[in-house]
Structures are given as structure tokens and as C-alpha cells.
N, C-alpha and C. Protein backbone atom coordinates (compact mmCIF):
# COMPACT_ATOMS: atom_id res chain seq x y z
N MET A 1 8.68 -33.70 14.73
CA MET A 1 8.15 -33.64 16.90
C MET A 1 6.56 -32.74 16.58
N ALA A 2 6.30 -33.52 17.12
CA ALA A 2 5.17 -33.15 17.24
C ALA A 2 4.97 -31.40 17.85
N GLY A 3 3.82 -31.01 17.13
CA GLY A 3 3.59 -29.10 17.39
C GLY A 3 4.40 -28.55 17.14
N LYS A 4 5.22 -28.81 15.76
CA LYS A 4 6.56 -27.75 15.87
C LYS A 4 6.08 -27.60 14.12
N LYS A 5 5.54 -26.21 13.63
CA LYS A 5 5.80 -25.51 12.35
C LYS A 5 5.89 -26.56 11.45
N GLN A 6 5.80 -26.82 10.18
CA GLN A 6 6.42 -27.34 9.45
C GLN A 6 6.43 -26.49 7.56
N PHE A 7 6.31 -25.38 8.36
CA PHE A 7 6.37 -24.35 6.99
C PHE A 7 6.65 -23.41 7.30
N ASP A 8 7.23 -22.00 6.49
CA ASP A 8 7.84 -21.04 6.57
C ASP A 8 6.33 -19.86 6.61
N VAL A 9 6.48 -19.58 8.14
CA VAL A 9 5.46 -18.46 8.11
C VAL A 9 5.78 -17.14 7.48
N ASP A 10 6.72 -16.61 6.99
CA ASP A 10 6.92 -15.49 6.17
C ASP A 10 6.72 -16.12 4.50
N THR A 11 6.67 -17.26 3.88
CA THR A 11 6.50 -17.75 2.86
C THR A 11 4.66 -17.98 2.62
N ALA A 12 4.20 -18.13 3.93
CA ALA A 12 2.90 -18.53 3.66
C ALA A 12 1.90 -16.61 3.85
N LEU A 13 2.23 -16.02 4.97
CA LEU A 13 1.55 -14.82 4.71
C LEU A 13 1.93 -13.97 3.89
N ASP A 14 3.09 -14.23 2.49
CA ASP A 14 3.04 -13.46 1.21
C ASP A 14 2.14 -14.37 0.32
N ALA A 15 2.02 -15.37 0.61
CA ALA A 15 1.41 -16.19 -0.34
C ALA A 15 -0.24 -15.45 -0.28
N ALA A 16 -0.53 -15.29 1.00
CA ALA A 16 -1.89 -14.97 1.28
C ALA A 16 -2.29 -13.81 1.20
N MET A 17 -0.91 -12.82 1.51
CA MET A 17 -0.87 -11.80 1.18
C MET A 17 -1.37 -11.24 -0.31
N ILE A 18 -1.09 -12.02 -1.34
CA ILE A 18 -1.02 -11.82 -2.78
C ILE A 18 -2.22 -12.20 -2.70
N GLN A 19 -2.54 -13.31 -2.28
CA GLN A 19 -4.27 -13.73 -2.76
C GLN A 19 -5.27 -12.86 -2.29
N PHE A 20 -5.09 -12.21 -1.44
CA PHE A 20 -6.10 -10.99 -1.07
C PHE A 20 -6.10 -9.85 -1.32
N TRP A 21 -4.78 -9.98 -2.22
CA TRP A 21 -4.13 -8.27 -3.14
C TRP A 21 -5.07 -9.00 -4.54
N ARG A 22 -4.68 -10.02 -4.71
CA ARG A 22 -5.61 -10.05 -6.25
C ARG A 22 -6.60 -10.08 -5.93
N ASP A 23 -7.42 -11.17 -4.94
CA ASP A 23 -8.56 -10.94 -5.31
C ASP A 23 -10.02 -10.27 -4.32
N GLY A 24 -9.13 -9.54 -3.49
CA GLY A 24 -9.84 -8.85 -2.51
C GLY A 24 -10.36 -9.59 -1.04
N TYR A 25 -10.53 -8.68 -0.13
CA TYR A 25 -10.83 -9.66 1.06
C TYR A 25 -12.10 -10.16 1.29
N ALA A 26 -13.25 -9.84 0.15
CA ALA A 26 -14.46 -10.50 0.42
C ALA A 26 -14.88 -11.73 -0.90
N ASP A 27 -13.82 -11.58 -1.47
CA ASP A 27 -13.62 -12.66 -2.67
C ASP A 27 -12.80 -13.92 -2.63
N THR A 28 -11.86 -13.47 -1.42
CA THR A 28 -11.17 -14.53 -0.82
C THR A 28 -11.42 -15.53 0.17
N SER A 29 -11.80 -16.81 -0.13
CA SER A 29 -12.27 -17.99 0.63
C SER A 29 -11.71 -18.27 1.00
N LEU A 30 -11.36 -19.34 2.38
CA LEU A 30 -10.48 -19.63 3.47
C LEU A 30 -9.95 -21.05 2.15
N ASP A 31 -10.78 -21.55 1.31
CA ASP A 31 -10.17 -22.62 -0.13
C ASP A 31 -9.28 -21.36 -0.80
N ASP A 32 -9.32 -20.71 -1.33
CA ASP A 32 -8.24 -19.73 -1.59
C ASP A 32 -7.43 -19.73 -0.94
N LEU A 33 -7.35 -19.08 0.40
CA LEU A 33 -6.10 -19.25 0.96
C LEU A 33 -5.30 -20.30 1.05
N SER A 34 -6.39 -21.98 1.55
CA SER A 34 -5.15 -22.76 1.79
C SER A 34 -4.51 -23.13 0.15
N ARG A 35 -5.24 -23.15 -1.21
CA ARG A 35 -4.46 -23.37 -2.13
C ARG A 35 -3.01 -22.56 -1.93
N ALA A 36 -3.46 -20.97 -1.85
CA ALA A 36 -2.37 -20.36 -1.76
C ALA A 36 -0.78 -20.78 -0.99
N THR A 37 -1.49 -20.85 0.16
CA THR A 37 -0.69 -21.10 0.86
C THR A 37 0.11 -22.66 1.07
N GLY A 38 -0.74 -23.29 0.52
CA GLY A 38 -0.15 -24.83 0.98
C GLY A 38 -0.90 -25.31 2.15
N LEU A 39 -1.56 -24.71 2.73
CA LEU A 39 -2.13 -25.09 3.83
C LEU A 39 -3.40 -25.23 4.28
N ASN A 40 -3.77 -26.36 5.14
CA ASN A 40 -5.17 -26.67 5.27
C ASN A 40 -5.57 -25.96 6.30
N ARG A 41 -7.12 -25.94 6.19
CA ARG A 41 -7.58 -24.53 7.17
C ARG A 41 -7.21 -25.12 8.76
N SER A 42 -7.08 -26.14 8.74
CA SER A 42 -6.81 -26.08 9.99
C SER A 42 -5.31 -25.49 10.72
N SER A 43 -4.41 -25.50 9.99
CA SER A 43 -3.20 -24.95 10.10
C SER A 43 -3.23 -23.68 9.95
N LEU A 44 -4.17 -23.01 8.84
CA LEU A 44 -4.32 -21.60 8.85
C LEU A 44 -5.16 -20.86 10.31
N TYR A 45 -5.95 -21.78 10.67
CA TYR A 45 -6.58 -20.91 11.65
C TYR A 45 -5.48 -21.65 13.21
N SER A 46 -5.04 -22.42 13.32
CA SER A 46 -4.05 -22.26 14.35
C SER A 46 -3.03 -21.74 14.22
N SER A 47 -2.20 -21.45 13.36
CA SER A 47 -1.65 -20.38 13.17
C SER A 47 -1.19 -18.59 12.52
N PHE A 48 -2.65 -18.41 12.60
CA PHE A 48 -3.05 -16.62 12.16
C PHE A 48 -4.15 -16.64 12.55
N GLY A 49 -5.15 -17.53 13.14
CA GLY A 49 -6.30 -17.11 13.61
C GLY A 49 -7.21 -17.29 12.65
N ASP A 50 -8.24 -16.40 12.45
CA ASP A 50 -9.60 -16.39 11.47
C ASP A 50 -8.92 -15.90 9.99
N LYS A 51 -9.93 -15.93 9.56
CA LYS A 51 -9.93 -14.74 8.53
C LYS A 51 -9.67 -13.29 8.64
N ASP A 52 -10.02 -12.99 9.46
CA ASP A 52 -10.01 -11.46 9.60
C ASP A 52 -8.53 -11.10 10.48
N LYS A 53 -8.13 -12.13 11.23
CA LYS A 53 -6.88 -11.84 12.10
C LYS A 53 -5.89 -12.36 10.72
N LEU A 54 -5.75 -13.24 9.57
CA LEU A 54 -4.67 -13.38 8.61
C LEU A 54 -4.92 -12.16 7.62
N PHE A 55 -5.86 -11.42 7.58
CA PHE A 55 -6.11 -10.44 7.02
C PHE A 55 -5.19 -8.82 7.48
N LEU A 56 -5.45 -9.07 8.38
CA LEU A 56 -4.79 -7.95 9.50
C LEU A 56 -3.35 -8.22 9.60
N HIS A 57 -2.72 -9.65 9.43
CA HIS A 57 -1.38 -9.92 9.39
C HIS A 57 -0.79 -9.62 7.75
N CYS A 58 -1.43 -9.74 7.03
CA CYS A 58 -1.24 -9.45 5.49
C CYS A 58 -1.29 -7.97 5.83
N LEU A 59 -2.51 -7.09 5.61
CA LEU A 59 -2.54 -5.66 5.81
C LEU A 59 -1.34 -5.26 6.67
N ASP A 60 -0.88 -5.71 7.42
CA ASP A 60 0.45 -5.01 8.23
C ASP A 60 1.57 -5.42 7.27
N ARG A 61 1.39 -6.39 7.14
CA ARG A 61 2.64 -6.67 6.63
C ARG A 61 3.07 -6.23 4.93
N TYR A 62 2.24 -5.70 3.96
CA TYR A 62 1.95 -5.08 3.04
C TYR A 62 2.64 -3.37 3.53
N ALA A 63 1.75 -3.36 4.56
CA ALA A 63 2.19 -1.68 5.05
C ALA A 63 3.31 -1.43 5.33
N VAL A 64 4.39 -2.62 6.18
CA VAL A 64 5.78 -2.59 6.47
C VAL A 64 6.53 -2.63 5.19
N ARG A 65 6.23 -3.56 4.82
CA ARG A 65 6.98 -3.80 3.35
C ARG A 65 7.21 -2.39 2.76
N TYR A 66 6.04 -1.65 1.89
CA TYR A 66 6.17 -0.67 0.85
C TYR A 66 6.36 0.63 1.76
N GLY A 67 5.90 0.81 3.33
CA GLY A 67 6.31 1.90 4.03
C GLY A 67 7.46 2.08 4.27
N GLN A 68 8.29 0.89 4.25
CA GLN A 68 10.14 1.23 4.40
C GLN A 68 10.26 1.65 3.04
N LYS A 69 10.39 1.53 2.12
CA LYS A 69 10.96 1.75 0.86
C LYS A 69 10.10 3.65 0.80
N TYR A 70 8.66 3.40 1.07
CA TYR A 70 8.11 5.41 0.94
C TYR A 70 8.61 5.61 1.86
N ASP A 71 9.51 5.95 3.00
CA ASP A 71 10.09 6.52 4.12
C ASP A 71 11.56 6.77 3.62
N ALA A 72 12.11 5.31 3.04
CA ALA A 72 13.62 6.16 2.12
C ALA A 72 12.92 7.10 1.04
N ALA A 73 12.28 6.61 0.32
CA ALA A 73 12.04 8.13 -1.20
C ALA A 73 12.17 8.65 -0.55
N LEU A 74 11.62 9.01 0.71
CA LEU A 74 10.97 10.81 1.35
C LEU A 74 12.44 11.34 2.14
N SER A 75 13.26 10.50 2.25
CA SER A 75 14.30 11.02 3.24
C SER A 75 14.78 11.88 2.90
N CYS A 76 15.04 12.36 1.68
CA CYS A 76 15.39 13.30 1.23
C CYS A 76 14.71 14.69 1.21
N SER A 77 13.13 14.82 1.69
CA SER A 77 12.65 16.05 1.90
C SER A 77 13.01 17.20 2.17
N ALA A 78 13.49 17.05 3.01
CA ALA A 78 13.82 18.15 3.78
C ALA A 78 14.68 19.36 2.46
N SER A 79 16.18 18.55 2.42
CA SER A 79 16.26 19.40 1.27
C SER A 79 16.09 19.51 -0.31
N GLU A 80 15.12 18.39 -0.92
CA GLU A 80 14.94 18.01 -2.19
C GLU A 80 13.60 17.48 -2.10
N PRO A 81 12.58 18.36 -1.88
CA PRO A 81 11.63 17.77 -1.52
C PRO A 81 10.45 17.35 -3.26
N VAL A 82 10.51 17.92 -4.15
CA VAL A 82 10.66 17.48 -5.49
C VAL A 82 11.03 15.75 -5.38
N ALA A 83 12.05 16.13 -5.49
CA ALA A 83 13.29 14.44 -5.23
C ALA A 83 12.43 13.76 -4.87
N ALA A 84 11.90 13.89 -3.81
CA ALA A 84 11.42 12.98 -2.44
C ALA A 84 10.22 12.92 -3.19
N VAL A 85 9.59 13.39 -3.98
CA VAL A 85 7.85 12.83 -3.97
C VAL A 85 8.18 12.52 -5.79
N ARG A 86 9.19 12.89 -6.30
CA ARG A 86 9.32 11.95 -7.18
C ARG A 86 9.66 10.07 -6.79
N ALA A 87 10.46 9.97 -6.01
CA ALA A 87 11.25 9.24 -5.09
C ALA A 87 9.84 8.17 -4.87
N PHE A 88 8.62 9.01 -4.16
CA PHE A 88 7.62 8.73 -3.45
C PHE A 88 6.97 7.85 -4.48
N PHE A 89 6.61 8.36 -5.70
CA PHE A 89 5.78 7.76 -6.47
C PHE A 89 6.30 6.52 -6.95
N ASP A 90 7.75 6.54 -7.24
CA ASP A 90 8.71 5.56 -8.04
C ASP A 90 8.17 4.54 -7.38
N VAL A 91 8.34 4.51 -6.08
CA VAL A 91 7.91 3.39 -5.38
C VAL A 91 6.42 2.68 -5.47
N THR A 92 5.50 2.99 -6.14
CA THR A 92 4.53 2.92 -6.92
C THR A 92 4.36 2.37 -8.29
N LEU A 93 5.06 3.37 -8.66
CA LEU A 93 5.23 2.54 -10.15
C LEU A 93 6.17 1.66 -10.44
N LYS A 94 7.09 1.63 -10.04
CA LYS A 94 8.07 0.03 -9.68
C LYS A 94 6.69 -1.27 -9.35
N ARG A 95 6.16 -1.08 -7.93
CA ARG A 95 5.20 -1.85 -7.45
C ARG A 95 4.25 -2.14 -8.68
N ILE A 96 3.81 -1.03 -9.31
CA ILE A 96 2.72 -1.52 -10.16
C ILE A 96 3.01 -2.10 -11.30
N ALA A 97 4.24 -1.93 -12.26
CA ALA A 97 5.02 -2.23 -13.11
C ALA A 97 5.80 -3.89 -12.81
N ASP A 98 5.64 -4.38 -11.79
CA ASP A 98 5.91 -5.86 -11.03
C ASP A 98 5.11 -6.89 -11.48
N PRO A 99 5.52 -7.51 -12.96
CA PRO A 99 4.45 -8.64 -12.88
C PRO A 99 4.76 -9.56 -12.46
N ALA A 100 5.32 -9.66 -11.00
CA ALA A 100 4.92 -10.73 -10.46
C ALA A 100 3.71 -10.46 -8.92
N LEU A 101 3.57 -9.28 -9.33
CA LEU A 101 2.54 -8.55 -8.04
C LEU A 101 1.26 -8.48 -8.82
N PRO A 102 0.47 -8.33 -7.77
CA PRO A 102 -1.09 -7.77 -8.53
C PRO A 102 -1.22 -6.62 -8.78
N ASP A 103 -2.05 -6.46 -9.58
CA ASP A 103 -2.11 -4.86 -10.12
C ASP A 103 -2.64 -4.18 -8.68
N GLY A 104 -2.75 -2.84 -8.90
CA GLY A 104 -3.21 -2.15 -7.56
C GLY A 104 -2.85 -1.85 -5.82
N CYS A 105 -3.25 -1.80 -5.01
CA CYS A 105 -2.61 -1.47 -4.13
C CYS A 105 -3.86 -2.19 -2.90
N LEU A 106 -3.16 -2.92 -1.80
CA LEU A 106 -3.56 -3.34 -1.30
C LEU A 106 -4.82 -2.67 -0.15
N ILE A 107 -4.14 -1.84 0.17
CA ILE A 107 -4.33 -0.38 0.92
C ILE A 107 -5.51 -0.14 0.49
N ALA A 108 -5.66 0.74 -0.68
CA ALA A 108 -6.66 0.95 -1.46
C ALA A 108 -7.53 0.68 -1.71
N GLN A 109 -7.82 -1.12 -2.20
CA GLN A 109 -8.46 -1.65 -2.33
C GLN A 109 -9.20 -2.50 -1.16
N SER A 110 -8.67 -2.25 -0.29
CA SER A 110 -9.50 -2.66 1.34
C SER A 110 -10.13 -1.65 1.80
N VAL A 111 -9.69 -0.34 1.51
CA VAL A 111 -10.09 1.14 1.75
C VAL A 111 -11.87 1.04 1.17
N MET A 112 -11.24 1.04 -0.03
CA MET A 112 -12.33 0.64 -0.90
C MET A 112 -13.43 0.01 -1.16
N ALA A 113 -13.11 -1.18 -0.53
CA ALA A 113 -14.64 -2.34 0.13
C ALA A 113 -14.64 -2.22 1.43
N ILE A 114 -14.50 -1.11 1.96
CA ILE A 114 -15.05 -1.08 3.62
C ILE A 114 -16.13 -1.53 4.01
N SER A 115 -16.90 -1.80 3.28
CA SER A 115 -18.44 -2.83 3.32
C SER A 115 -18.30 -3.66 3.41
N ALA A 116 -17.56 -4.44 3.07
CA ALA A 116 -17.47 -6.21 3.12
C ALA A 116 -16.48 -6.46 4.19
N LEU A 117 -15.73 -5.32 4.50
CA LEU A 117 -14.74 -5.51 6.33
C LEU A 117 -15.89 -5.75 7.64
N SER A 118 -15.20 -6.19 8.66
CA SER A 118 -15.42 -6.12 9.84
C SER A 118 -14.98 -4.98 10.32
N PRO A 119 -15.88 -3.95 10.94
CA PRO A 119 -15.23 -2.72 11.74
C PRO A 119 -14.24 -2.62 12.06
N ARG A 120 -13.74 -4.12 12.70
CA ARG A 120 -12.24 -3.84 12.91
C ARG A 120 -11.07 -3.51 11.59
N VAL A 121 -11.67 -5.03 11.25
CA VAL A 121 -10.85 -4.97 9.62
C VAL A 121 -10.82 -3.38 8.81
N GLY A 122 -11.91 -2.87 9.33
CA GLY A 122 -11.94 -1.44 8.06
C GLY A 122 -11.20 -0.28 8.51
N ALA A 123 -11.54 -0.49 10.23
CA ALA A 123 -10.51 0.89 10.74
C ALA A 123 -9.01 0.38 10.78
N HIS A 124 -8.63 -0.72 10.75
CA HIS A 124 -7.23 -0.84 10.15
C HIS A 124 -6.61 -0.58 9.02
N ALA A 125 -7.47 -0.99 8.04
CA ALA A 125 -7.69 -0.48 6.57
C ALA A 125 -7.11 1.13 6.92
N LYS A 126 -8.71 1.81 7.25
CA LYS A 126 -8.43 3.37 7.16
C LYS A 126 -6.80 4.07 7.89
N GLU A 127 -6.42 3.39 9.03
CA GLU A 127 -5.42 3.35 9.74
C GLU A 127 -4.36 3.54 9.04
N ALA A 128 -4.44 2.42 7.85
CA ALA A 128 -2.96 2.05 7.05
C ALA A 128 -3.16 3.27 5.82
N LEU A 129 -3.96 3.68 5.67
CA LEU A 129 -4.42 5.01 4.53
C LEU A 129 -3.89 6.14 5.00
N GLY A 130 -4.15 6.26 6.62
CA GLY A 130 -4.26 7.37 7.35
C GLY A 130 -2.68 7.50 7.60
N LEU A 131 -1.84 5.95 7.46
CA LEU A 131 -0.10 6.30 8.09
C LEU A 131 0.45 6.86 6.69
N GLN A 132 -0.12 6.89 5.63
CA GLN A 132 0.55 7.24 4.09
C GLN A 132 0.14 8.60 4.58
N LEU A 133 -0.72 9.16 4.29
CA LEU A 133 -1.36 10.97 4.81
C LEU A 133 0.13 11.68 5.47
N ARG A 134 0.05 10.80 6.71
CA ARG A 134 0.96 11.37 7.98
C ARG A 134 2.39 11.51 7.37
N ARG A 135 2.93 10.67 6.76
CA ARG A 135 3.69 10.34 6.12
C ARG A 135 4.51 11.68 5.47
N LEU A 136 3.51 11.42 4.38
CA LEU A 136 3.48 12.65 3.34
C LEU A 136 3.69 14.12 4.15
N ARG A 137 2.67 14.21 5.20
CA ARG A 137 2.64 15.53 5.21
C ARG A 137 4.11 15.77 6.08
N ALA A 138 4.35 15.01 7.18
CA ALA A 138 5.63 15.47 7.74
C ALA A 138 6.79 15.62 6.94
N ALA A 139 7.09 14.88 5.79
CA ALA A 139 8.38 14.85 4.81
C ALA A 139 8.02 16.19 4.40
N LEU A 140 6.89 16.65 3.55
CA LEU A 140 6.30 17.77 3.02
C LEU A 140 6.41 19.15 4.19
N ARG A 141 6.34 18.96 5.28
CA ARG A 141 6.73 20.24 6.20
C ARG A 141 7.96 20.29 6.46
N ALA A 142 9.03 19.20 6.12
CA ALA A 142 10.11 19.16 6.29
C ALA A 142 10.70 19.76 5.11
N GLY A 143 10.38 20.44 4.38
CA GLY A 143 11.14 21.18 3.24
C GLY A 143 10.28 22.37 3.43
N SER A 144 10.88 23.73 2.13
CA SER A 144 10.06 24.50 2.74
C SER A 144 8.54 25.11 2.47
N LEU A 145 7.73 24.06 1.88
CA LEU A 145 6.67 24.74 1.82
C LEU A 145 6.20 25.56 2.93
N THR A 146 5.09 25.77 3.59
CA THR A 146 4.34 26.04 4.51
C THR A 146 3.26 25.62 5.01
N ASP A 147 3.28 25.01 6.25
CA ASP A 147 2.05 24.21 6.59
C ASP A 147 1.28 23.98 6.28
N ARG A 148 0.27 25.02 4.93
CA ARG A 148 -1.12 24.90 4.59
C ARG A 148 -0.75 24.11 3.13
N ASP A 149 0.12 24.61 2.80
CA ASP A 149 0.84 23.79 1.49
C ASP A 149 1.42 22.43 1.34
N ALA A 150 2.34 22.65 2.31
CA ALA A 150 2.54 21.14 3.00
C ALA A 150 1.09 19.88 2.63
N ASP A 151 0.34 20.47 4.35
CA ASP A 151 -0.82 19.47 3.85
C ASP A 151 -1.74 19.62 2.61
N ALA A 152 -1.84 20.91 1.60
CA ALA A 152 -2.54 20.35 0.74
C ALA A 152 -1.74 19.60 -0.09
N PHE A 153 -0.19 19.50 0.08
CA PHE A 153 0.11 18.66 -1.30
C PHE A 153 0.46 17.36 -0.48
N ALA A 154 0.05 16.91 0.86
CA ALA A 154 0.12 15.46 1.47
C ALA A 154 -1.17 15.06 0.90
N VAL A 155 -2.35 15.69 0.59
CA VAL A 155 -3.55 15.12 0.54
C VAL A 155 -3.45 14.61 -1.06
N HIS A 156 -2.92 15.76 -1.35
CA HIS A 156 -2.71 15.49 -3.30
C HIS A 156 -2.23 14.55 -3.80
N VAL A 157 -1.12 14.17 -2.75
CA VAL A 157 0.07 13.03 -3.31
C VAL A 157 -0.04 11.98 -3.12
N ALA A 158 -1.56 11.68 -1.36
CA ALA A 158 -1.48 10.46 -1.50
C ALA A 158 -2.75 10.29 -2.15
N ALA A 159 -3.77 11.06 -2.94
CA ALA A 159 -4.19 10.90 -3.53
C ALA A 159 -4.29 9.96 -5.21
N VAL A 160 -2.83 11.11 -5.34
CA VAL A 160 -2.52 10.91 -6.73
C VAL A 160 -2.13 9.77 -6.69
N ASN A 161 -1.60 9.27 -5.13
CA ASN A 161 -0.63 7.83 -5.23
C ASN A 161 -1.77 6.53 -5.45
N GLN A 162 -2.92 6.84 -4.87
CA GLN A 162 -3.91 5.64 -4.63
C GLN A 162 -4.83 5.62 -6.33
N SER A 163 -4.42 6.53 -6.62
CA SER A 163 -5.58 6.65 -8.05
C SER A 163 -4.55 6.21 -8.72
N LEU A 164 -3.11 5.75 -9.21
CA LEU A 164 -2.61 5.56 -9.78
C LEU A 164 -2.70 3.72 -9.64
N ALA A 165 -2.87 3.17 -8.11
CA ALA A 165 -2.92 1.73 -7.88
C ALA A 165 -4.27 1.72 -8.82
N VAL A 166 -5.52 2.48 -8.29
CA VAL A 166 -6.57 2.07 -8.98
C VAL A 166 -6.77 2.11 -10.79
N MET A 167 -6.06 3.34 -11.05
CA MET A 167 -6.23 3.08 -12.43
C MET A 167 -5.30 1.88 -12.75
N SER A 168 -4.37 1.49 -12.37
CA SER A 168 -3.56 0.77 -12.68
C SER A 168 -4.43 -0.98 -13.12
N ARG A 169 -5.31 -1.31 -12.47
CA ARG A 169 -6.18 -2.22 -12.41
C ARG A 169 -7.25 -1.84 -13.33
N ALA A 170 -7.15 -1.19 -14.03
CA ALA A 170 -8.31 -0.59 -14.84
C ALA A 170 -7.71 -0.81 -16.16
N GLY A 171 -6.49 -1.15 -16.45
CA GLY A 171 -5.42 -0.98 -17.62
C GLY A 171 -4.90 0.49 -17.94
N THR A 172 -4.96 1.56 -16.98
CA THR A 172 -4.01 2.46 -17.39
C THR A 172 -2.56 2.26 -18.02
N SER A 173 -1.62 2.86 -18.99
CA SER A 173 -0.76 2.75 -19.73
C SER A 173 0.51 3.06 -18.42
N PRO A 174 1.43 2.60 -18.49
CA PRO A 174 2.84 2.75 -17.62
C PRO A 174 3.05 4.71 -18.10
N ALA A 175 2.84 4.82 -19.13
CA ALA A 175 3.27 6.14 -19.65
C ALA A 175 1.85 6.95 -19.37
N GLN A 176 0.58 6.76 -18.83
CA GLN A 176 -0.64 7.36 -18.51
C GLN A 176 -0.62 7.84 -17.23
N LEU A 177 0.32 6.75 -16.53
CA LEU A 177 0.38 6.89 -14.73
C LEU A 177 1.26 7.91 -14.59
N ARG A 178 2.17 7.57 -15.53
CA ARG A 178 3.70 8.75 -15.34
C ARG A 178 3.49 10.13 -15.38
N ALA A 179 2.77 10.51 -16.70
CA ALA A 179 2.14 11.40 -17.03
C ALA A 179 1.20 12.19 -15.96
N ALA A 180 0.28 11.35 -15.15
CA ALA A 180 0.25 11.85 -13.61
C ALA A 180 0.51 12.09 -13.07
N VAL A 181 1.70 11.57 -12.97
CA VAL A 181 2.92 11.88 -11.35
C VAL A 181 3.32 13.52 -12.28
N GLY A 182 3.39 13.09 -13.23
CA GLY A 182 4.48 14.61 -13.66
C GLY A 182 3.74 15.91 -13.57
N VAL A 183 1.97 15.76 -13.06
CA VAL A 183 1.62 17.15 -13.17
C VAL A 183 1.64 17.32 -11.69
N THR A 184 1.35 16.21 -11.22
CA THR A 184 1.95 16.88 -9.24
C THR A 184 3.02 17.08 -9.53
N ILE A 185 4.26 16.91 -9.75
CA ILE A 185 5.68 17.09 -9.72
C ILE A 185 5.83 18.33 -10.30
N ASP A 186 5.03 18.56 -11.54
CA ASP A 186 5.46 20.66 -12.02
C ASP A 186 4.74 20.83 -10.40
N ALA A 187 3.77 20.98 -10.51
CA ALA A 187 2.63 21.58 -9.33
C ALA A 187 3.19 22.59 -8.31
N LEU A 188 3.74 20.93 -7.45
CA LEU A 188 4.60 20.90 -6.26
C LEU A 188 6.08 21.73 -6.63
N SER A 189 6.75 21.51 -8.09
CA SER A 189 8.02 22.63 -8.28
C SER A 189 8.01 23.97 -8.22
N ARG A 190 6.47 24.42 -9.09
CA ARG A 190 6.08 25.57 -9.49
C ARG A 190 5.47 26.26 -7.66
N THR A 191 5.00 25.84 -7.07
CA THR A 191 4.94 26.27 -5.77
C THR A 191 6.10 26.48 -4.68
N LEU A 192 7.15 25.54 -5.27
CA LEU A 192 8.35 25.75 -4.46
C LEU A 192 8.99 26.49 -4.73
N HIS A 193 8.53 27.48 -6.01
CA HIS A 193 9.45 28.16 -6.51
C HIS A 193 8.86 29.21 -6.88
N ALA A 194 7.52 29.54 -6.31
CA ALA A 194 6.41 30.50 -6.76
C ALA A 194 7.69 31.92 -5.47
């Protein structure tokens, strides 16, 4: 039937997301996206819009997919803040360890390359990073930390989390990444029990 999409949109978006994640926005061409998705340029444009719009779809897809996992991990933060933060980091460490996924974090990588992004896309990447900070701040405030300590730990945990993604891209071992997480978990535990 004419006009009917002959491909699975979710599969195409996942393939495009992996391509952007692997090579970054600036180094991903329309030809790369065409090869990754199996769609010609015309199909990409008619289905997703220009490169910026496709990237925004992918960034949102990534943020929702991992955001749901982070939310589930932090769901016990009111009663078990240390376990919640450990589970939060486990989401990142499992993603990093998955050989089917590129190293690093699409959001962190996008924010680091903000100068190569259009203002609209750059603002969207910053907003995705800000969402993670707000998620952590709310979870830590639900525990027994003071608002001041919750805010400080939210920034710290977000920074360490993004650092894990960057360090994994540089070849840091899983044991070293877990050790970095351990320092944060120990500091949080000491603060809670002070």
C-alpha cells in the first residue's frame, strides 16, 4: 500500500541512537544514519525530519529508557538512601558493561560536544542532564539528609555518574569504576550516620 511505512520505527530509532551514541552528533553523517537504520535519506527525512530532529528523538529515547531505570533504582531512597544510590550507579555500570552498547553516555557525550550542536539541540542535551540532577536531588531529599547535604550529594552523584561514562570511554576498568562509586557510597553512608 502506497504511503505506508515499510519499517519498524522503534528499530530504526534504536539503530540511529546507537549510531549517534557511538560516533557523536558531529561525526555522524546522514550516510552513517542511512547505513545504520537501513533507510535511505528520503525515508529518514520523511519519517524523522532533519538530522537535528532525529537526534532529538534519539536523545529523548535514551533519556526515557535510562531515566525509567534510574527512577526504579531510586524508588527506595526514602527508607534506604545508600542502597538507592548504589542501585542508581548500578544502572550506569551495567549499561557500561553491556558489550552490545557503545561506551559512555549519549547525554554526557552530547553535553561535552555542545559547541557542535545547534542551540536547540544543545539546550535539549543540557535539559536531559539537568533532569538527572533533579531526579537525584528529589530522591536524596526524601531520605534523612538535610536539604543542603541532599543538594550537595545530588551534584556529586551526578558528576561521578557522568564521569563513569567518560572514564569508560577512555578504557578505565570495571573494577576502577566500581572503586570510584565506592568512595561516593562511603561518603554518603558516613554523612547519613554522622
